Amino acid sequence: MSSNTHLVDFDDLCRLSHKTKPSAVRKWASEQGIRLGAGPLPWTTIEAVNAALGLTPSNEPRYRTEDVL
């Protein structure tokens, strides 16, 4: 797991998706409605995963890719 507790790195996404290739992880995330950050390996945030699950409280600020980088 990433040292930043808000980030879900490629290894975490592989465990969640049961996929091993970046393209397969990207496809899985898209099907789940999980927004990914740019880069050679897919990554996301806990907030993006929660949003895809419908768990984002409306009063919480949303992170943008620019905020994380």
PDB file of N, CA and C in Angstrom:
ATOM      1  N   MET A   1       0.839  -1.175   0.000  1.00  0.00           N
ATOM      2  CA  MET A   1       0.000   0.000   0.000  1.00  0.00           C
ATOM      3  C   MET A   1       0.883   1.236   0.000  1.00  0.00           C
ATOM      4  N   SER A   2       0.410   2.278  -0.632  1.00  0.00           N
ATOM      5  CA  SER A   2       1.137   3.529  -0.701  1.00  0.00           C
ATOM      6  C   SER A   2       1.325   4.125   0.690  1.00  0.00           C
ATOM      7  N   SER A   3       2.400   4.904   0.872  1.00  0.00           N
ATOM      8  CA  SER A   3       2.611   5.563   2.157  1.00  0.00           C
ATOM      9  C   SER A   3       1.614   6.696   2.368  1.00  0.00           C
ATOM     10  N   ASN A   4       1.032   7.223   1.296  1.00  0.00           N
ATOM     11  CA  ASN A   4      -0.029   8.218   1.395  1.00  0.00           C
ATOM     12  C   ASN A   4      -1.341   7.454   1.564  1.00  0.00           C
ATOM     13  N   THR A   5      -2.004   7.655   2.682  1.00  0.00           N
ATOM     14  CA  THR A   5      -3.195   6.857   2.984  1.00  0.00           C
ATOM     15  C   THR A   5      -4.385   7.194   2.104  1.00  0.00           C
ATOM     16  N   HIS A   6      -4.300   8.281   1.325  1.00  0.00           N
ATOM     17  CA  HIS A   6      -5.395   8.625   0.415  1.00  0.00           C
ATOM     18  C   HIS A   6      -5.231   7.970  -0.946  1.00  0.00           C
ATOM     19  N   LEU A   7      -4.019   7.513  -1.261  1.00  0.00           N
ATOM     20  CA  LEU A   7      -3.763   6.936  -2.582  1.00  0.00           C
ATOM     21  C   LEU A   7      -3.978   5.431  -2.597  1.00  0.00           C
ATOM     22  N   VAL A   8      -4.522   4.974  -3.705  1.00  0.00           N
ATOM     23  CA  VAL A   8      -4.650   3.544  -3.975  1.00  0.00           C
ATOM     24  C   VAL A   8      -3.746   3.297  -5.174  1.00  0.00           C
ATOM     25  N   ASP A   9      -2.611   2.649  -4.942  1.00  0.00           N
ATOM     26  CA  ASP A   9      -1.626   2.479  -6.001  1.00  0.00           C
ATOM     27  C   ASP A   9      -1.944   1.265  -6.876  1.00  0.00           C
ATOM     28  N   PHE A  10      -1.092   1.042  -7.863  1.00  0.00           N
ATOM     29  CA  PHE A  10      -1.314  -0.037  -8.822  1.00  0.00           C
ATOM     30  C   PHE A  10      -1.406  -1.403  -8.151  1.00  0.00           C
ATOM     31  N   ASP A  11      -0.532  -1.664  -7.183  1.00  0.00           N
ATOM     32  CA  ASP A  11      -0.578  -2.960  -6.492  1.00  0.00           C
ATOM     33  C   ASP A  11      -1.918  -3.172  -5.771  1.00  0.00           C
ATOM     34  N   ASP A  12      -2.407  -2.109  -5.137  1.00  0.00           N
ATOM     35  CA  ASP A  12      -3.709  -2.195  -4.469  1.00  0.00           C
ATOM     36  C   ASP A  12      -4.824  -2.440  -5.476  1.00  0.00           C
ATOM     37  N   LEU A  13      -4.763  -1.736  -6.602  1.00  0.00           N
ATOM     38  CA  LEU A  13      -5.786  -1.924  -7.639  1.00  0.00           C
ATOM     39  C   LEU A  13      -5.743  -3.347  -8.206  1.00  0.00           C
ATOM     40  N   CYS A  14      -4.544  -3.905  -8.333  1.00  0.00           N
ATOM     41  CA  CYS A  14      -4.418  -5.293  -8.803  1.00  0.00           C
ATOM     42  C   CYS A  14      -5.103  -6.245  -7.829  1.00  0.00           C
ATOM     43  N   ARG A  15      -4.896  -6.028  -6.539  1.00  0.00           N
ATOM     44  CA  ARG A  15      -5.543  -6.885  -5.531  1.00  0.00           C
ATOM     45  C   ARG A  15      -7.060  -6.728  -5.565  1.00  0.00           C
ATOM     46  N   LEU A  16      -7.539  -5.506  -5.729  1.00  0.00           N
ATOM     47  CA  LEU A  16      -8.987  -5.272  -5.767  1.00  0.00           C
ATOM     48  C   LEU A  16      -9.640  -5.867  -7.010  1.00  0.00           C
ATOM     49  N   SER A  17      -8.955  -5.738  -8.140  1.00  0.00           N
ATOM     50  CA  SER A  17      -9.545  -6.144  -9.419  1.00  0.00           C
ATOM     51  C   SER A  17      -9.244  -7.584  -9.807  1.00  0.00           C
ATOM     52  N   HIS A  18      -8.253  -8.185  -9.168  1.00  0.00           N
ATOM     53  CA  HIS A  18      -7.762  -9.515  -9.558  1.00  0.00           C
ATOM     54  C   HIS A  18      -7.207  -9.504 -10.978  1.00  0.00           C
ATOM     55  N   LYS A  19      -6.668  -8.349 -11.389  1.00  0.00           N
ATOM     56  CA  LYS A  19      -6.019  -8.175 -12.693  1.00  0.00           C
ATOM     57  C   LYS A  19      -4.549  -7.875 -12.456  1.00  0.00           C
ATOM     58  N   THR A  20      -3.708  -8.135 -13.474  1.00  0.00           N
ATOM     59  CA  THR A  20      -2.277  -7.886 -13.314  1.00  0.00           C
ATOM     60  C   THR A  20      -1.703  -6.917 -14.339  1.00  0.00           C
ATOM     61  N   LYS A  21      -2.399  -6.689 -15.441  1.00  0.00           N
ATOM     62  CA  LYS A  21      -1.910  -5.791 -16.480  1.00  0.00           C
ATOM     63  C   LYS A  21      -2.549  -4.412 -16.319  1.00  0.00           C
ATOM     64  N   PRO A  22      -1.754  -3.357 -16.528  1.00  0.00           N
ATOM     65  CA  PRO A  22      -2.312  -2.008 -16.401  1.00  0.00           C
ATOM     66  C   PRO A  22      -3.565  -1.784 -17.250  1.00  0.00           C
ATOM     67  N   SER A  23      -3.575  -2.283 -18.477  1.00  0.00           N
ATOM     68  CA  SER A  23      -4.745  -2.081 -19.338  1.00  0.00           C
ATOM     69  C   SER A  23      -5.976  -2.787 -18.772  1.00  0.00           C
ATOM     70  N   ALA A  24      -5.788  -3.960 -18.195  1.00  0.00           N
ATOM     71  CA  ALA A  24      -6.913  -4.694 -17.602  1.00  0.00           C
ATOM     72  C   ALA A  24      -7.423  -3.986 -16.349  1.00  0.00           C
ATOM     73  N   VAL A  25      -6.505  -3.427 -15.564  1.00  0.00           N
ATOM     74  CA  VAL A  25      -6.907  -2.681 -14.369  1.00  0.00           C
ATOM     75  C   VAL A  25      -7.669  -1.423 -14.778  1.00  0.00           C
ATOM     76  N   ARG A  26      -7.190  -0.736 -15.820  1.00  0.00           N
ATOM     77  CA  ARG A  26      -7.894   0.466 -16.300  1.00  0.00           C
ATOM     78  C   ARG A  26      -9.307   0.122 -16.762  1.00  0.00           C
ATOM     79  N   LYS A  27      -9.440  -0.955 -17.511  1.00  0.00           N
ATOM     80  CA  LYS A  27     -10.760  -1.369 -17.997  1.00  0.00           C
ATOM     81  C   LYS A  27     -11.674  -1.707 -16.822  1.00  0.00           C
ATOM     82  N   TRP A  28     -11.184  -2.469 -15.858  1.00  0.00           N
ATOM     83  CA  TRP A  28     -11.969  -2.829 -14.680  1.00  0.00           C
ATOM     84  C   TRP A  28     -12.423  -1.587 -13.933  1.00  0.00           C
ATOM     85  N   ALA A  29     -11.481  -0.651 -13.696  1.00  0.00           N
ATOM     86  CA  ALA A  29     -11.814   0.575 -12.967  1.00  0.00           C
ATOM     87  C   ALA A  29     -12.879   1.371 -13.703  1.00  0.00           C
ATOM     88  N   SER A  30     -12.760   1.462 -15.007  1.00  0.00           N
ATOM     89  CA  SER A  30     -13.757   2.171 -15.802  1.00  0.00           C
ATOM     90  C   SER A  30     -15.134   1.530 -15.658  1.00  0.00           C
ATOM     91  N   GLU A  31     -15.174   0.219 -15.706  1.00  0.00           N
ATOM     92  CA  GLU A  31     -16.447  -0.509 -15.548  1.00  0.00           C
ATOM     93  C   GLU A  31     -17.057  -0.282 -14.166  1.00  0.00           C
ATOM     94  N   GLN A  32     -16.207  -0.049 -13.163  1.00  0.00           N
ATOM     95  CA  GLN A  32     -16.681   0.174 -11.803  1.00  0.00           C
ATOM     96  C   GLN A  32     -17.003   1.646 -11.538  1.00  0.00           C
ATOM     97  N   GLY A  33     -16.668   2.516 -12.474  1.00  0.00           N
ATOM     98  CA  GLY A  33     -16.886   3.948 -12.286  1.00  0.00           C
ATOM     99  C   GLY A  33     -15.827   4.608 -11.425  1.00  0.00           C
ATOM    100  N   ILE A  34     -14.653   3.990 -11.340  1.00  0.00           N
ATOM    101  CA  ILE A  34     -13.554   4.531 -10.534  1.00  0.00           C
ATOM    102  C   ILE A  34     -12.664   5.381 -11.432  1.00  0.00           C
ATOM    103  N   ARG A  35     -12.524   6.654 -11.076  1.00  0.00           N
ATOM    104  CA  ARG A  35     -11.662   7.547 -11.841  1.00  0.00           C
ATOM    105  C   ARG A  35     -10.205   7.285 -11.479  1.00  0.00           C
ATOM    106  N   LEU A  36      -9.355   7.277 -12.511  1.00  0.00           N
ATOM    107  CA  LEU A  36      -7.931   7.007 -12.326  1.00  0.00           C
ATOM    108  C   LEU A  36      -7.095   8.232 -12.642  1.00  0.00           C
ATOM    109  N   GLY A  37      -5.927   8.310 -12.003  1.00  0.00           N
ATOM    110  CA  GLY A  37      -4.959   9.346 -12.311  1.00  0.00           C
ATOM    111  C   GLY A  37      -4.145   8.946 -13.526  1.00  0.00           C
ATOM    112  N   ALA A  38      -3.471   9.922 -14.098  1.00  0.00           N
ATOM    113  CA  ALA A  38      -2.650   9.685 -15.284  1.00  0.00           C
ATOM    114  C   ALA A  38      -1.291   9.131 -14.887  1.00  0.00           C
ATOM    115  N   GLY A  39      -0.701   8.403 -15.791  1.00  0.00           N
ATOM    116  CA  GLY A  39       0.636   7.860 -15.574  1.00  0.00           C
ATOM    117  C   GLY A  39       0.755   6.497 -16.211  1.00  0.00           C
ATOM    118  N   PRO A  40       1.963   5.943 -16.205  1.00  0.00           N
ATOM    119  CA  PRO A  40       2.162   4.633 -16.831  1.00  0.00           C
ATOM    120  C   PRO A  40       1.426   3.510 -16.105  1.00  0.00           C
ATOM    121  N   LEU A  41       1.299   3.638 -14.780  1.00  0.00           N
ATOM    122  CA  LEU A  41       0.539   2.649 -14.014  1.00  0.00           C
ATOM    123  C   LEU A  41      -0.689   3.331 -13.420  1.00  0.00           C
ATOM    124  N   PRO A  42      -1.843   2.680 -13.493  1.00  0.00           N
ATOM    125  CA  PRO A  42      -3.047   3.288 -12.941  1.00  0.00           C
ATOM    126  C   PRO A  42      -2.946   3.470 -11.430  1.00  0.00           C
ATOM    127  N   TRP A  43      -3.562   4.529 -10.943  1.00  0.00           N
ATOM    128  CA  TRP A  43      -3.660   4.802  -9.513  1.00  0.00           C
ATOM    129  C   TRP A  43      -4.940   5.600  -9.300  1.00  0.00           C
ATOM    130  N   THR A  44      -5.385   5.676  -8.076  1.00  0.00           N
ATOM    131  CA  THR A  44      -6.574   6.443  -7.757  1.00  0.00           C
ATOM    132  C   THR A  44      -6.490   6.873  -6.295  1.00  0.00           C
ATOM    133  N   THR A  45      -7.578   7.343  -5.771  1.00  0.00           N
ATOM    134  CA  THR A  45      -7.630   7.746  -4.365  1.00  0.00           C
ATOM    135  C   THR A  45      -8.743   6.967  -3.663  1.00  0.00           C
ATOM    136  N   ILE A  46      -8.648   6.890  -2.362  1.00  0.00           N
ATOM    137  CA  ILE A  46      -9.716   6.274  -1.568  1.00  0.00           C
ATOM    138  C   ILE A  46     -11.032   7.001  -1.837  1.00  0.00           C
ATOM    139  N   GLU A  47     -10.949   8.324  -1.960  1.00  0.00           N
ATOM    140  CA  GLU A  47     -12.150   9.116  -2.205  1.00  0.00           C
ATOM    141  C   GLU A  47     -12.810   8.738  -3.533  1.00  0.00           C
ATOM    142  N   ALA A  48     -11.998   8.474  -4.566  1.00  0.00           N
ATOM    143  CA  ALA A  48     -12.555   8.086  -5.863  1.00  0.00           C
ATOM    144  C   ALA A  48     -13.222   6.713  -5.784  1.00  0.00           C
ATOM    145  N   VAL A  49     -12.616   5.801  -5.046  1.00  0.00           N
ATOM    146  CA  VAL A  49     -13.220   4.474  -4.858  1.00  0.00           C
ATOM    147  C   VAL A  49     -14.542   4.623  -4.098  1.00  0.00           C
ATOM    148  N   ASN A  50     -14.520   5.407  -3.017  1.00  0.00           N
ATOM    149  CA  ASN A  50     -15.750   5.622  -2.250  1.00  0.00           C
ATOM    150  C   ASN A  50     -16.831   6.283  -3.090  1.00  0.00           C
ATOM    151  N   ALA A  51     -16.456   7.247  -3.928  1.00  0.00           N
ATOM    152  CA  ALA A  51     -17.430   7.910  -4.799  1.00  0.00           C
ATOM    153  C   ALA A  51     -18.066   6.907  -5.758  1.00  0.00           C
ATOM    154  N   ALA A  52     -17.260   5.996  -6.314  1.00  0.00           N
ATOM    155  CA  ALA A  52     -17.794   4.982  -7.221  1.00  0.00           C
ATOM    156  C   ALA A  52     -18.775   4.061  -6.504  1.00  0.00           C
ATOM    157  N   LEU A  53     -18.570   3.891  -5.196  1.00  0.00           N
ATOM    158  CA  LEU A  53     -19.478   3.065  -4.389  1.00  0.00           C
ATOM    159  C   LEU A  53     -20.659   3.868  -3.855  1.00  0.00           C
ATOM    160  N   GLY A  54     -20.663   5.172  -4.135  1.00  0.00           N
ATOM    161  CA  GLY A  54     -21.740   6.025  -3.640  1.00  0.00           C
ATOM    162  C   GLY A  54     -21.576   6.402  -2.183  1.00  0.00           C
ATOM    163  N   LEU A  55     -20.337   6.381  -1.669  1.00  0.00           N
ATOM    164  CA  LEU A  55     -20.096   6.633  -0.256  1.00  0.00           C
ATOM    165  C   LEU A  55     -19.505   7.999   0.044  1.00  0.00           C
ATOM    166  N   THR A  56     -19.451   8.907  -0.932  1.00  0.00           N
ATOM    167  CA  THR A  56     -18.856  10.206  -0.696  1.00  0.00           C
ATOM    168  C   THR A  56     -19.882  11.138  -0.056  1.00  0.00           C
ATOM    169  N   PRO A  57     -19.619  11.592   1.160  1.00  0.00           N
ATOM    170  CA  PRO A  57     -20.529  12.558   1.774  1.00  0.00           C
ATOM    171  C   PRO A  57     -20.557  13.847   0.968  1.00  0.00           C
ATOM    172  N   SER A  58     -21.702  14.448   0.825  1.00  0.00           N
ATOM    173  CA  SER A  58     -21.840  15.645  -0.002  1.00  0.00           C
ATOM    174  C   SER A  58     -21.094  16.844   0.562  1.00  0.00           C
ATOM    175  N   ASN A  59     -20.803  16.863   1.859  1.00  0.00           N
ATOM    176  CA  ASN A  59     -20.112  18.010   2.444  1.00  0.00           C
ATOM    177  C   ASN A  59     -18.592  17.856   2.456  1.00  0.00           C
ATOM    178  N   GLU A  60     -18.065  16.753   1.967  1.00  0.00           N
ATOM    179  CA  GLU A  60     -16.621  16.531   1.916  1.00  0.00           C
ATOM    180  C   GLU A  60     -16.059  17.116   0.627  1.00  0.00           C
ATOM    181  N   PRO A  61     -14.885  17.745   0.686  1.00  0.00           N
ATOM    182  CA  PRO A  61     -14.277  18.245  -0.557  1.00  0.00           C
ATOM    183  C   PRO A  61     -13.856  17.078  -1.439  1.00  0.00           C
ATOM    184  N   ARG A  62     -13.943  17.272  -2.727  1.00  0.00           N
ATOM    185  CA  ARG A  62     -13.530  16.245  -3.676  1.00  0.00           C
ATOM    186  C   ARG A  62     -12.133  16.577  -4.180  1.00  0.00           C
ATOM    187  N   TYR A  63     -11.304  15.550  -4.320  1.00  0.00           N
ATOM    188  CA  TYR A  63      -9.953  15.741  -4.832  1.00  0.00           C
ATOM    189  C   TYR A  63      -9.965  15.704  -6.348  1.00  0.00           C
ATOM    190  N   ARG A  64      -9.162  16.573  -6.929  1.00  0.00           N
ATOM    191  CA  ARG A  64      -8.933  16.545  -8.364  1.00  0.00           C
ATOM    192  C   ARG A  64      -7.523  16.020  -8.584  1.00  0.00           C
ATOM    193  N   THR A  65      -7.238  15.522  -9.758  1.00  0.00           N
ATOM    194  CA  THR A  65      -5.904  15.016 -10.063  1.00  0.00           C
ATOM    195  C   THR A  65      -4.858  16.076  -9.756  1.00  0.00           C
ATOM    196  N   GLU A  66      -5.147  17.332 -10.059  1.00  0.00           N
ATOM    197  CA  GLU A  66      -4.213  18.417  -9.820  1.00  0.00           C
ATOM    198  C   GLU A  66      -3.909  18.573  -8.324  1.00  0.00           C
ATOM    199  N   ASP A  67      -4.872  18.267  -7.470  1.00  0.00           N
ATOM    200  CA  ASP A  67      -4.686  18.390  -6.026  1.00  0.00           C
ATOM    201  C   ASP A  67      -3.751  17.321  -5.481  1.00  0.00           C
ATOM    202  N   VAL A  68      -3.752  16.154  -6.091  1.00  0.00           N
ATOM    203  CA  VAL A  68      -2.961  15.027  -5.603  1.00  0.00           C
ATOM    204  C   VAL A  68      -1.516  15.133  -6.058  1.00  0.00           C
ATOM    205  N   LEU A  69      -1.313  15.614  -7.267  1.00  0.00           N
ATOM    206  CA  LEU A  69       0.037  15.718  -7.811  1.00  0.00           C
ATOM    207  C   LEU A  69       0.690  16.895  -7.219  1.00  0.00           C
TER     208      LEU A  69
END
